[in-house]
PDB file of N, CA and C in Angstrom:
ATOM      1  N   MET A   1       0.825  -1.194   0.000  1.00  0.00           N
ATOM      2  CA  MET A   1       0.000   0.000   0.000  1.00  0.00           C
ATOM      3  C   MET A   1       0.873   1.264   0.000  1.00  0.00           C
ATOM      4  N   ILE A   2       1.909   1.252   0.855  1.00  0.00           N
ATOM      5  CA  ILE A   2       2.830   2.390   0.941  1.00  0.00           C
ATOM      6  C   ILE A   2       4.204   1.929   0.468  1.00  0.00           C
ATOM      7  N   GLU A   3       4.826   2.716  -0.350  1.00  0.00           N
ATOM      8  CA  GLU A   3       6.175   2.425  -0.829  1.00  0.00           C
ATOM      9  C   GLU A   3       7.166   3.141   0.096  1.00  0.00           C
ATOM     10  N   TRP A   4       7.577   2.433   1.142  1.00  0.00           N
ATOM     11  CA  TRP A   4       8.418   3.045   2.177  1.00  0.00           C
ATOM     12  C   TRP A   4       9.781   3.464   1.659  1.00  0.00           C
ATOM     13  N   SER A   5      10.279   2.795   0.642  1.00  0.00           N
ATOM     14  CA  SER A   5      11.576   3.201   0.081  1.00  0.00           C
ATOM     15  C   SER A   5      11.486   4.608  -0.511  1.00  0.00           C
ATOM     16  N   ARG A   6      10.335   4.948  -1.094  1.00  0.00           N
ATOM     17  CA  ARG A   6      10.140   6.306  -1.638  1.00  0.00           C
ATOM     18  C   ARG A   6      10.131   7.340  -0.515  1.00  0.00           C
ATOM     19  N   ILE A   7       9.533   6.980   0.591  1.00  0.00           N
ATOM     20  CA  ILE A   7       9.468   7.902   1.725  1.00  0.00           C
ATOM     21  C   ILE A   7      10.861   8.146   2.297  1.00  0.00           C
ATOM     22  N   GLU A   8      11.632   7.084   2.448  1.00  0.00           N
ATOM     23  CA  GLU A   8      12.992   7.232   2.968  1.00  0.00           C
ATOM     24  C   GLU A   8      13.856   8.041   2.004  1.00  0.00           C
ATOM     25  N   GLU A   9      13.667   7.816   0.710  1.00  0.00           N
ATOM     26  CA  GLU A   9      14.398   8.576  -0.305  1.00  0.00           C
ATOM     27  C   GLU A   9      14.066  10.068  -0.200  1.00  0.00           C
ATOM     28  N   LEU A  10      12.794  10.375  -0.060  1.00  0.00           N
ATOM     29  CA  LEU A  10      12.370  11.768   0.062  1.00  0.00           C
ATOM     30  C   LEU A  10      12.930  12.396   1.330  1.00  0.00           C
ATOM     31  N   ARG A  11      12.892  11.670   2.417  1.00  0.00           N
ATOM     32  CA  ARG A  11      13.452  12.171   3.684  1.00  0.00           C
ATOM     33  C   ARG A  11      14.925  12.520   3.536  1.00  0.00           C
ATOM     34  N   GLU A  12      15.658  11.644   2.869  1.00  0.00           N
ATOM     35  CA  GLU A  12      17.093  11.881   2.671  1.00  0.00           C
ATOM     36  C   GLU A  12      17.335  13.074   1.759  1.00  0.00           C
ATOM     37  N   GLU A  13      16.500  13.220   0.736  1.00  0.00           N
ATOM     38  CA  GLU A  13      16.661  14.312  -0.230  1.00  0.00           C
ATOM     39  C   GLU A  13      16.428  15.680   0.390  1.00  0.00           C
ATOM     40  N   ILE A  14      15.408  15.790   1.237  1.00  0.00           N
ATOM     41  CA  ILE A  14      15.012  17.124   1.700  1.00  0.00           C
ATOM     42  C   ILE A  14      15.270  17.375   3.179  1.00  0.00           C
ATOM     43  N   GLY A  15      15.613  16.368   3.938  1.00  0.00           N
ATOM     44  CA  GLY A  15      15.864  16.545   5.373  1.00  0.00           C
ATOM     45  C   GLY A  15      14.590  16.371   6.186  1.00  0.00           C
ATOM     46  N   GLU A  16      14.773  16.069   7.453  1.00  0.00           N
ATOM     47  CA  GLU A  16      13.642  15.733   8.321  1.00  0.00           C
ATOM     48  C   GLU A  16      12.661  16.899   8.504  1.00  0.00           C
ATOM     49  N   GLU A  17      13.184  18.088   8.732  1.00  0.00           N
ATOM     50  CA  GLU A  17      12.294  19.236   8.968  1.00  0.00           C
ATOM     51  C   GLU A  17      11.432  19.530   7.741  1.00  0.00           C
ATOM     52  N   ASP A  18      12.055  19.561   6.567  1.00  0.00           N
ATOM     53  CA  ASP A  18      11.295  19.810   5.349  1.00  0.00           C
ATOM     54  C   ASP A  18      10.364  18.650   5.026  1.00  0.00           C
ATOM     55  N   PHE A  19      10.786  17.429   5.373  1.00  0.00           N
ATOM     56  CA  PHE A  19       9.927  16.266   5.157  1.00  0.00           C
ATOM     57  C   PHE A  19       8.622  16.423   5.931  1.00  0.00           C
ATOM     58  N   GLU A  20       8.715  16.816   7.172  1.00  0.00           N
ATOM     59  CA  GLU A  20       7.511  17.008   7.986  1.00  0.00           C
ATOM     60  C   GLU A  20       6.594  18.058   7.368  1.00  0.00           C
ATOM     61  N   GLU A  21       7.183  19.117   6.831  1.00  0.00           N
ATOM     62  CA  GLU A  21       6.385  20.160   6.181  1.00  0.00           C
ATOM     63  C   GLU A  21       5.722  19.633   4.905  1.00  0.00           C
ATOM     64  N   VAL A  22       6.461  18.836   4.125  1.00  0.00           N
ATOM     65  CA  VAL A  22       5.910  18.246   2.906  1.00  0.00           C
ATOM     66  C   VAL A  22       4.730  17.345   3.248  1.00  0.00           C
ATOM     67  N   VAL A  23       4.873  16.542   4.291  1.00  0.00           N
ATOM     68  CA  VAL A  23       3.782  15.653   4.710  1.00  0.00           C
ATOM     69  C   VAL A  23       2.560  16.482   5.096  1.00  0.00           C
ATOM     70  N   GLU A  24       2.771  17.531   5.849  1.00  0.00           N
ATOM     71  CA  GLU A  24       1.660  18.389   6.286  1.00  0.00           C
ATOM     72  C   GLU A  24       0.946  19.009   5.081  1.00  0.00           C
ATOM     73  N   ILE A  25       1.713  19.546   4.142  1.00  0.00           N
ATOM     74  CA  ILE A  25       1.129  20.165   2.950  1.00  0.00           C
ATOM     75  C   ILE A  25       0.407  19.109   2.105  1.00  0.00           C
ATOM     76  N   PHE A  26       1.040  17.955   1.937  1.00  0.00           N
ATOM     77  CA  PHE A  26       0.425  16.860   1.178  1.00  0.00           C
ATOM     78  C   PHE A  26      -0.936  16.517   1.758  1.00  0.00           C
ATOM     79  N   LEU A  27      -0.985  16.283   3.062  1.00  0.00           N
ATOM     80  CA  LEU A  27      -2.245  15.889   3.689  1.00  0.00           C
ATOM     81  C   LEU A  27      -3.311  16.975   3.542  1.00  0.00           C
ATOM     82  N   GLU A  28      -2.928  18.228   3.728  1.00  0.00           N
ATOM     83  CA  GLU A  28      -3.895  19.326   3.582  1.00  0.00           C
ATOM     84  C   GLU A  28      -4.452  19.397   2.169  1.00  0.00           C
ATOM     85  N   GLU A  29      -3.568  19.376   1.183  1.00  0.00           N
ATOM     86  CA  GLU A  29      -4.009  19.521  -0.204  1.00  0.00           C
ATOM     87  C   GLU A  29      -4.832  18.328  -0.665  1.00  0.00           C
ATOM     88  N   VAL A  30      -4.392  17.138  -0.300  1.00  0.00           N
ATOM     89  CA  VAL A  30      -5.130  15.942  -0.709  1.00  0.00           C
ATOM     90  C   VAL A  30      -6.481  15.886  -0.007  1.00  0.00           C
ATOM     91  N   GLU A  31      -6.520  16.245   1.271  1.00  0.00           N
ATOM     92  CA  GLU A  31      -7.799  16.265   2.000  1.00  0.00           C
ATOM     93  C   GLU A  31      -8.788  17.218   1.331  1.00  0.00           C
ATOM     94  N   ASP A  32      -8.306  18.347   0.841  1.00  0.00           N
ATOM     95  CA  ASP A  32      -9.184  19.301   0.150  1.00  0.00           C
ATOM     96  C   ASP A  32      -9.818  18.669  -1.092  1.00  0.00           C
ATOM     97  N   VAL A  33      -9.015  17.968  -1.875  1.00  0.00           N
ATOM     98  CA  VAL A  33      -9.542  17.350  -3.098  1.00  0.00           C
ATOM     99  C   VAL A  33     -10.435  16.152  -2.758  1.00  0.00           C
ATOM    100  N   ILE A  34     -10.056  15.398  -1.745  1.00  0.00           N
ATOM    101  CA  ILE A  34     -10.897  14.269  -1.308  1.00  0.00           C
ATOM    102  C   ILE A  34     -12.268  14.791  -0.861  1.00  0.00           C
ATOM    103  N   ALA A  35     -12.284  15.923  -0.176  1.00  0.00           N
ATOM    104  CA  ALA A  35     -13.557  16.515   0.248  1.00  0.00           C
ATOM    105  C   ALA A  35     -14.411  16.867  -0.972  1.00  0.00           C
ATOM    106  N   LEU A  36     -13.780  17.390  -2.005  1.00  0.00           N
ATOM    107  CA  LEU A  36     -14.514  17.709  -3.236  1.00  0.00           C
ATOM    108  C   LEU A  36     -15.098  16.445  -3.863  1.00  0.00           C
ATOM    109  N   LEU A  37     -14.312  15.378  -3.891  1.00  0.00           N
ATOM    110  CA  LEU A  37     -14.806  14.126  -4.463  1.00  0.00           C
ATOM    111  C   LEU A  37     -15.974  13.575  -3.662  1.00  0.00           C
ATOM    112  N   ARG A  38     -15.903  13.718  -2.350  1.00  0.00           N
ATOM    113  CA  ARG A  38     -17.008  13.249  -1.501  1.00  0.00           C
ATOM    114  C   ARG A  38     -18.284  14.035  -1.776  1.00  0.00           C
ATOM    115  N   GLU A  39     -18.135  15.331  -1.999  1.00  0.00           N
ATOM    116  CA  GLU A  39     -19.288  16.193  -2.252  1.00  0.00           C
ATOM    117  C   GLU A  39     -19.866  15.949  -3.643  1.00  0.00           C
ATOM    118  N   GLY A  40     -19.008  15.527  -4.539  1.00  0.00           N
ATOM    119  CA  GLY A  40     -19.422  15.315  -5.919  1.00  0.00           C
ATOM    120  C   GLY A  40     -18.938  16.449  -6.796  1.00  0.00           C
ATOM    121  N   VAL A  41     -18.222  16.093  -7.814  1.00  0.00           N
ATOM    122  CA  VAL A  41     -17.712  17.093  -8.759  1.00  0.00           C
ATOM    123  C   VAL A  41     -18.257  16.767 -10.146  1.00  0.00           C
ATOM    124  N   PRO A  42     -18.369  17.770 -10.990  1.00  0.00           N
ATOM    125  CA  PRO A  42     -18.811  17.518 -12.361  1.00  0.00           C
ATOM    126  C   PRO A  42     -17.852  16.560 -13.068  1.00  0.00           C
ATOM    127  N   ASP A  43     -18.395  15.741 -13.935  1.00  0.00           N
ATOM    128  CA  ASP A  43     -17.581  14.762 -14.655  1.00  0.00           C
ATOM    129  C   ASP A  43     -16.377  15.400 -15.339  1.00  0.00           C
ATOM    130  N   ASP A  44     -16.566  16.587 -15.897  1.00  0.00           N
ATOM    131  CA  ASP A  44     -15.464  17.206 -16.639  1.00  0.00           C
ATOM    132  C   ASP A  44     -14.320  17.684 -15.743  1.00  0.00           C
ATOM    133  N   GLN A  45     -14.479  17.589 -14.424  1.00  0.00           N
ATOM    134  CA  GLN A  45     -13.403  17.958 -13.494  1.00  0.00           C
ATOM    135  C   GLN A  45     -12.715  16.739 -12.875  1.00  0.00           C
ATOM    136  N   LEU A  46     -13.282  15.570 -13.088  1.00  0.00           N
ATOM    137  CA  LEU A  46     -12.727  14.356 -12.481  1.00  0.00           C
ATOM    138  C   LEU A  46     -11.298  14.074 -12.934  1.00  0.00           C
ATOM    139  N   GLU A  47     -11.046  14.172 -14.205  1.00  0.00           N
ATOM    140  CA  GLU A  47      -9.712  13.850 -14.713  1.00  0.00           C
ATOM    141  C   GLU A  47      -8.635  14.696 -14.048  1.00  0.00           C
ATOM    142  N   SER A  48      -8.858  15.997 -13.957  1.00  0.00           N
ATOM    143  CA  SER A  48      -7.825  16.869 -13.367  1.00  0.00           C
ATOM    144  C   SER A  48      -7.659  16.617 -11.866  1.00  0.00           C
ATOM    145  N   HIS A  49      -8.756  16.371 -11.165  1.00  0.00           N
ATOM    146  CA  HIS A  49      -8.648  16.077  -9.730  1.00  0.00           C
ATOM    147  C   HIS A  49      -7.910  14.766  -9.488  1.00  0.00           C
ATOM    148  N   LEU A  50      -8.235  13.749 -10.268  1.00  0.00           N
ATOM    149  CA  LEU A  50      -7.572  12.455 -10.109  1.00  0.00           C
ATOM    150  C   LEU A  50      -6.105  12.530 -10.526  1.00  0.00           C
ATOM    151  N   HIS A  51      -5.812  13.339 -11.525  1.00  0.00           N
ATOM    152  CA  HIS A  51      -4.419  13.545 -11.930  1.00  0.00           C
ATOM    153  C   HIS A  51      -3.614  14.180 -10.789  1.00  0.00           C
ATOM    154  N   PHE A  52      -4.180  15.196 -10.177  1.00  0.00           N
ATOM    155  CA  PHE A  52      -3.514  15.848  -9.043  1.00  0.00           C
ATOM    156  C   PHE A  52      -3.267  14.854  -7.908  1.00  0.00           C
ATOM    157  N   LEU A  53      -4.304  14.099  -7.572  1.00  0.00           N
ATOM    158  CA  LEU A  53      -4.172  13.120  -6.489  1.00  0.00           C
ATOM    159  C   LEU A  53      -3.125  12.071  -6.817  1.00  0.00           C
ATOM    160  N   LYS A  54      -3.118  11.602  -8.050  1.00  0.00           N
ATOM    161  CA  LYS A  54      -2.133  10.594  -8.472  1.00  0.00           C
ATOM    162  C   LYS A  54      -0.715  11.115  -8.279  1.00  0.00           C
ATOM    163  N   GLY A  55      -0.455  12.300  -8.761  1.00  0.00           N
ATOM    164  CA  GLY A  55       0.887  12.878  -8.642  1.00  0.00           C
ATOM    165  C   GLY A  55       1.300  13.089  -7.204  1.00  0.00           C
ATOM    166  N   SER A  56       0.390  13.599  -6.414  1.00  0.00           N
ATOM    167  CA  SER A  56       0.678  13.812  -4.999  1.00  0.00           C
ATOM    168  C   SER A  56       0.975  12.491  -4.305  1.00  0.00           C
ATOM    169  N   ALA A  57       0.162  11.485  -4.606  1.00  0.00           N
ATOM    170  CA  ALA A  57       0.321  10.176  -3.984  1.00  0.00           C
ATOM    171  C   ALA A  57       1.660   9.538  -4.366  1.00  0.00           C
ATOM    172  N   LEU A  58       2.049   9.662  -5.616  1.00  0.00           N
ATOM    173  CA  LEU A  58       3.326   9.098  -6.055  1.00  0.00           C
ATOM    174  C   LEU A  58       4.494   9.756  -5.337  1.00  0.00           C
ATOM    175  N   ASN A  59       4.418  11.055  -5.137  1.00  0.00           N
ATOM    176  CA  ASN A  59       5.498  11.769  -4.453  1.00  0.00           C
ATOM    177  C   ASN A  59       5.726  11.284  -3.039  1.00  0.00           C
ATOM    178  N   LEU A  60       4.668  10.833  -2.386  1.00  0.00           N
ATOM    179  CA  LEU A  60       4.789  10.419  -0.995  1.00  0.00           C
ATOM    180  C   LEU A  60       4.635   8.909  -0.816  1.00  0.00           C
ATOM    181  N   GLY A  61       4.701   8.164  -1.891  1.00  0.00           N
ATOM    182  CA  GLY A  61       4.738   6.712  -1.775  1.00  0.00           C
ATOM    183  C   GLY A  61       3.408   6.023  -1.535  1.00  0.00           C
ATOM    184  N   PHE A  62       2.295   6.692  -1.769  1.00  0.00           N
ATOM    185  CA  PHE A  62       0.978   6.074  -1.601  1.00  0.00           C
ATOM    186  C   PHE A  62       0.670   5.289  -2.881  1.00  0.00           C
ATOM    187  N   LYS A  63       1.283   4.143  -3.014  1.00  0.00           N
ATOM    188  CA  LYS A  63       1.273   3.379  -4.263  1.00  0.00           C
ATOM    189  C   LYS A  63      -0.123   2.886  -4.671  1.00  0.00           C
ATOM    190  N   SER A  64      -0.833   2.236  -3.786  1.00  0.00           N
ATOM    191  CA  SER A  64      -2.158   1.712  -4.131  1.00  0.00           C
ATOM    192  C   SER A  64      -3.122   2.846  -4.476  1.00  0.00           C
ATOM    193  N   PHE A  65      -3.099   3.883  -3.683  1.00  0.00           N
ATOM    194  CA  PHE A  65      -3.954   5.039  -3.905  1.00  0.00           C
ATOM    195  C   PHE A  65      -3.647   5.681  -5.257  1.00  0.00           C
ATOM    196  N   SER A  66      -2.368   5.853  -5.561  1.00  0.00           N
ATOM    197  CA  SER A  66      -2.004   6.463  -6.839  1.00  0.00           C
ATOM    198  C   SER A  66      -2.465   5.602  -8.012  1.00  0.00           C
ATOM    199  N   GLY A  67      -2.416   4.270  -7.846  1.00  0.00           N
ATOM    200  CA  GLY A  67      -2.882   3.375  -8.902  1.00  0.00           C
ATOM    201  C   GLY A  67      -4.366   3.531  -9.186  1.00  0.00           C
ATOM    202  N   LEU A  68      -5.163   3.640  -8.130  1.00  0.00           N
ATOM    203  CA  LEU A  68      -6.602   3.857  -8.318  1.00  0.00           C
ATOM    204  C   LEU A  68      -6.870   5.212  -8.975  1.00  0.00           C
ATOM    205  N   CYS A  69      -6.109   6.212  -8.584  1.00  0.00           N
ATOM    206  CA  CYS A  69      -6.270   7.534  -9.200  1.00  0.00           C
ATOM    207  C   CYS A  69      -5.908   7.481 -10.681  1.00  0.00           C
ATOM    208  N   GLN A  70      -4.851   6.741 -11.022  1.00  0.00           N
ATOM    209  CA  GLN A  70      -4.453   6.594 -12.430  1.00  0.00           C
ATOM    210  C   GLN A  70      -5.551   5.920 -13.235  1.00  0.00           C
ATOM    211  N   THR A  71      -6.111   4.857 -12.684  1.00  0.00           N
ATOM    212  CA  THR A  71      -7.192   4.145 -13.360  1.00  0.00           C
ATOM    213  C   THR A  71      -8.383   5.066 -13.593  1.00  0.00           C
ATOM    214  N   GLY A  72      -8.742   5.830 -12.570  1.00  0.00           N
ATOM    215  CA  GLY A  72      -9.854   6.776 -12.697  1.00  0.00           C
ATOM    216  C   GLY A  72      -9.556   7.901 -13.658  1.00  0.00           C
ATOM    217  N   GLU A  73      -8.335   8.387 -13.625  1.00  0.00           N
ATOM    218  CA  GLU A  73      -7.932   9.462 -14.535  1.00  0.00           C
ATOM    219  C   GLU A  73      -8.035   8.994 -15.985  1.00  0.00           C
ATOM    220  N   THR A  74      -7.570   7.791 -16.244  1.00  0.00           N
ATOM    221  CA  THR A  74      -7.629   7.239 -17.602  1.00  0.00           C
ATOM    222  C   THR A  74      -9.087   7.071 -18.053  1.00  0.00           C
ATOM    223  N   ALA A  75      -9.923   6.547 -17.172  1.00  0.00           N
ATOM    224  CA  ALA A  75     -11.345   6.379 -17.510  1.00  0.00           C
ATOM    225  C   ALA A  75     -11.994   7.733 -17.792  1.00  0.00           C
ATOM    226  N   ALA A  76     -11.687   8.725 -16.964  1.00  0.00           N
ATOM    227  CA  ALA A  76     -12.263  10.058 -17.161  1.00  0.00           C
ATOM    228  C   ALA A  76     -11.798  10.663 -18.482  1.00  0.00           C
ATOM    229  N   ALA A  77     -10.534  10.463 -18.819  1.00  0.00           N
ATOM    230  CA  ALA A  77      -9.998  11.002 -20.072  1.00  0.00           C
ATOM    231  C   ALA A  77     -10.713  10.399 -21.279  1.00  0.00           C
ATOM    232  N   GLN A  78     -11.190   9.179 -21.126  1.00  0.00           N
ATOM    233  CA  GLN A  78     -11.890   8.503 -22.214  1.00  0.00           C
ATOM    234  C   GLN A  78     -13.405   8.687 -22.134  1.00  0.00           C
ATOM    235  N   GLY A  79     -13.861   9.430 -21.123  1.00  0.00           N
ATOM    236  CA  GLY A  79     -15.285   9.695 -20.980  1.00  0.00           C
ATOM    237  C   GLY A  79     -16.063   8.591 -20.290  1.00  0.00           C
ATOM    238  N   TYR A  80     -15.388   7.654 -19.669  1.00  0.00           N
ATOM    239  CA  TYR A  80     -16.036   6.535 -18.981  1.00  0.00           C
ATOM    240  C   TYR A  80     -16.254   6.869 -17.502  1.00  0.00           C
ATOM    241  N   TYR A  81     -16.984   7.913 -17.254  1.00  0.00           N
ATOM    242  CA  TYR A  81     -17.177   8.395 -15.885  1.00  0.00           C
ATOM    243  C   TYR A  81     -17.888   7.377 -14.998  1.00  0.00           C
ATOM    244  N   GLY A  82     -18.800   6.614 -15.569  1.00  0.00           N
ATOM    245  CA  GLY A  82     -19.551   5.621 -14.802  1.00  0.00           C
ATOM    246  C   GLY A  82     -18.691   4.480 -14.282  1.00  0.00           C
ATOM    247  N   GLU A  83     -17.500   4.318 -14.842  1.00  0.00           N
ATOM    248  CA  GLU A  83     -16.598   3.247 -14.415  1.00  0.00           C
ATOM    249  C   GLU A  83     -15.695   3.670 -13.262  1.00  0.00           C
ATOM    250  N   ILE A  84     -15.785   4.918 -12.851  1.00  0.00           N
ATOM    251  CA  ILE A  84     -14.918   5.428 -11.787  1.00  0.00           C
ATOM    252  C   ILE A  84     -15.637   5.282 -10.458  1.00  0.00           C
ATOM    253  N   ASP A  85     -15.065   4.503  -9.563  1.00  0.00           N
ATOM    254  CA  ASP A  85     -15.643   4.304  -8.239  1.00  0.00           C
ATOM    255  C   ASP A  85     -14.917   5.220  -7.248  1.00  0.00           C
ATOM    256  N   LEU A  86     -15.477   6.392  -7.057  1.00  0.00           N
ATOM    257  CA  LEU A  86     -14.842   7.368  -6.178  1.00  0.00           C
ATOM    258  C   LEU A  86     -14.804   6.902  -4.726  1.00  0.00           C
ATOM    259  N   SER A  87     -15.757   6.055  -4.343  1.00  0.00           N
ATOM    260  CA  SER A  87     -15.714   5.546  -2.967  1.00  0.00           C
ATOM    261  C   SER A  87     -14.479   4.663  -2.767  1.00  0.00           C
ATOM    262  N   ASP A  88     -14.060   3.936  -3.793  1.00  0.00           N
ATOM    263  CA  ASP A  88     -12.817   3.155  -3.704  1.00  0.00           C
ATOM    264  C   ASP A  88     -11.605   4.072  -3.596  1.00  0.00           C
ATOM    265  N   VAL A  89     -11.613   5.140  -4.357  1.00  0.00           N
ATOM    266  CA  VAL A  89     -10.504   6.104  -4.312  1.00  0.00           C
ATOM    267  C   VAL A  89     -10.403   6.709  -2.909  1.00  0.00           C
ATOM    268  N   VAL A  90     -11.523   7.161  -2.383  1.00  0.00           N
ATOM    269  CA  VAL A  90     -11.542   7.778  -1.052  1.00  0.00           C
ATOM    270  C   VAL A  90     -11.139   6.764   0.015  1.00  0.00           C
ATOM    271  N   SER A  91     -11.672   5.557  -0.060  1.00  0.00           N
ATOM    272  CA  SER A  91     -11.326   4.520   0.915  1.00  0.00           C
ATOM    273  C   SER A  91      -9.846   4.178   0.872  1.00  0.00           C
ATOM    274  N   SER A  92      -9.298   4.082  -0.331  1.00  0.00           N
ATOM    275  CA  SER A  92      -7.878   3.782  -0.475  1.00  0.00           C
ATOM    276  C   SER A  92      -7.030   4.881   0.156  1.00  0.00           C
ATOM    277  N   TYR A  93      -7.433   6.121  -0.052  1.00  0.00           N
ATOM    278  CA  TYR A  93      -6.705   7.229   0.576  1.00  0.00           C
ATOM    279  C   TYR A  93      -6.758   7.115   2.096  1.00  0.00           C
ATOM    280  N   GLU A  94      -7.939   6.893   2.626  1.00  0.00           N
ATOM    281  CA  GLU A  94      -8.091   6.814   4.081  1.00  0.00           C
ATOM    282  C   GLU A  94      -7.251   5.681   4.667  1.00  0.00           C
ATOM    283  N   LEU A  95      -7.284   4.514   4.040  1.00  0.00           N
ATOM    284  CA  LEU A  95      -6.483   3.380   4.513  1.00  0.00           C
ATOM    285  C   LEU A  95      -4.987   3.679   4.406  1.00  0.00           C
ATOM    286  N   SER A  96      -4.590   4.262   3.292  1.00  0.00           N
ATOM    287  CA  SER A  96      -3.182   4.607   3.094  1.00  0.00           C
ATOM    288  C   SER A  96      -2.720   5.635   4.113  1.00  0.00           C
ATOM    289  N   LYS A  97      -3.543   6.636   4.329  1.00  0.00           N
ATOM    290  CA  LYS A  97      -3.202   7.688   5.298  1.00  0.00           C
ATOM    291  C   LYS A  97      -3.052   7.095   6.701  1.00  0.00           C
ATOM    292  N   THR A  98      -3.973   6.225   7.087  1.00  0.00           N
ATOM    293  CA  THR A  98      -3.906   5.599   8.405  1.00  0.00           C
ATOM    294  C   THR A  98      -2.629   4.785   8.551  1.00  0.00           C
ATOM    295  N   GLU A  99      -2.341   3.944   7.552  1.00  0.00           N
ATOM    296  CA  GLU A  99      -1.114   3.148   7.606  1.00  0.00           C
ATOM    297  C   GLU A  99       0.119   4.042   7.649  1.00  0.00           C
ATOM    298  N   PHE A 100       0.134   5.051   6.796  1.00  0.00           N
ATOM    299  CA  PHE A 100       1.268   5.966   6.705  1.00  0.00           C
ATOM    300  C   PHE A 100       1.533   6.643   8.042  1.00  0.00           C
ATOM    301  N   LEU A 101       0.515   7.256   8.615  1.00  0.00           N
ATOM    302  CA  LEU A 101       0.707   8.009   9.857  1.00  0.00           C
ATOM    303  C   LEU A 101       1.069   7.108  11.028  1.00  0.00           C
ATOM    304  N   SER A 102       0.427   5.947  11.131  1.00  0.00           N
ATOM    305  CA  SER A 102       0.732   5.064  12.263  1.00  0.00           C
ATOM    306  C   SER A 102       2.130   4.468  12.127  1.00  0.00           C
ATOM    307  N   THR A 103       2.507   4.085  10.927  1.00  0.00           N
ATOM    308  CA  THR A 103       3.829   3.501  10.735  1.00  0.00           C
ATOM    309  C   THR A 103       4.903   4.571  10.828  1.00  0.00           C
ATOM    310  N   LEU A 104       4.638   5.734  10.284  1.00  0.00           N
ATOM    311  CA  LEU A 104       5.616   6.825  10.327  1.00  0.00           C
ATOM    312  C   LEU A 104       5.946   7.206  11.765  1.00  0.00           C
ATOM    313  N   ALA A 105       4.940   7.189  12.621  1.00  0.00           N
ATOM    314  CA  ALA A 105       5.148   7.542  14.019  1.00  0.00           C
ATOM    315  C   ALA A 105       6.075   6.554  14.716  1.00  0.00           C
ATOM    316  N   ASN A 106       6.147   5.328  14.213  1.00  0.00           N
ATOM    317  CA  ASN A 106       6.965   4.295  14.832  1.00  0.00           C
ATOM    318  C   ASN A 106       8.273   4.026  14.121  1.00  0.00           C
ATOM    319  N   ARG A 107       8.531   4.750  13.035  1.00  0.00           N
ATOM    320  CA  ARG A 107       9.778   4.569  12.277  1.00  0.00           C
ATOM    321  C   ARG A 107      10.770   5.651  12.664  1.00  0.00           C
ATOM    322  N   PRO A 108      11.996   5.285  12.880  1.00  0.00           N
ATOM    323  CA  PRO A 108      13.002   6.313  13.179  1.00  0.00           C
ATOM    324  C   PRO A 108      13.270   7.177  11.959  1.00  0.00           C
ATOM    325  N   ALA A 109      13.590   8.424  12.217  1.00  0.00           N
ATOM    326  CA  ALA A 109      13.954   9.329  11.130  1.00  0.00           C
ATOM    327  C   ALA A 109      15.252   8.859  10.510  1.00  0.00           C
ATOM    328  N   ALA A 110      15.409   9.150   9.240  1.00  0.00           N
ATOM    329  CA  ALA A 110      16.630   8.719   8.527  1.00  0.00           C
ATOM    330  C   ALA A 110      17.841   9.426   9.053  1.00  0.00           C
TER     331      ALA A 110
END
């Protein structure tokens, strides 16, 4: 679900203090878009929202979540809006976030 090697790589690249800030910004921005998806967005906005989520997720190692976003983004680009299960996308984010935060709290900093 989480690609921990990506997280460790990012920590090493930017340092612990900046890593914490990146995590905070990531969670805030992704939560904003997840809230929009929960409320319901017009079909013509799904592709861009899922693209944003995919990119954000890849940067922080949320592998399963990014995969679902990619699948949804591709479907939206082809006009197959009915094939996009936003509840799966939201659930995957929530599960990934829970795993990430609980495991991160127990992992030593690089």
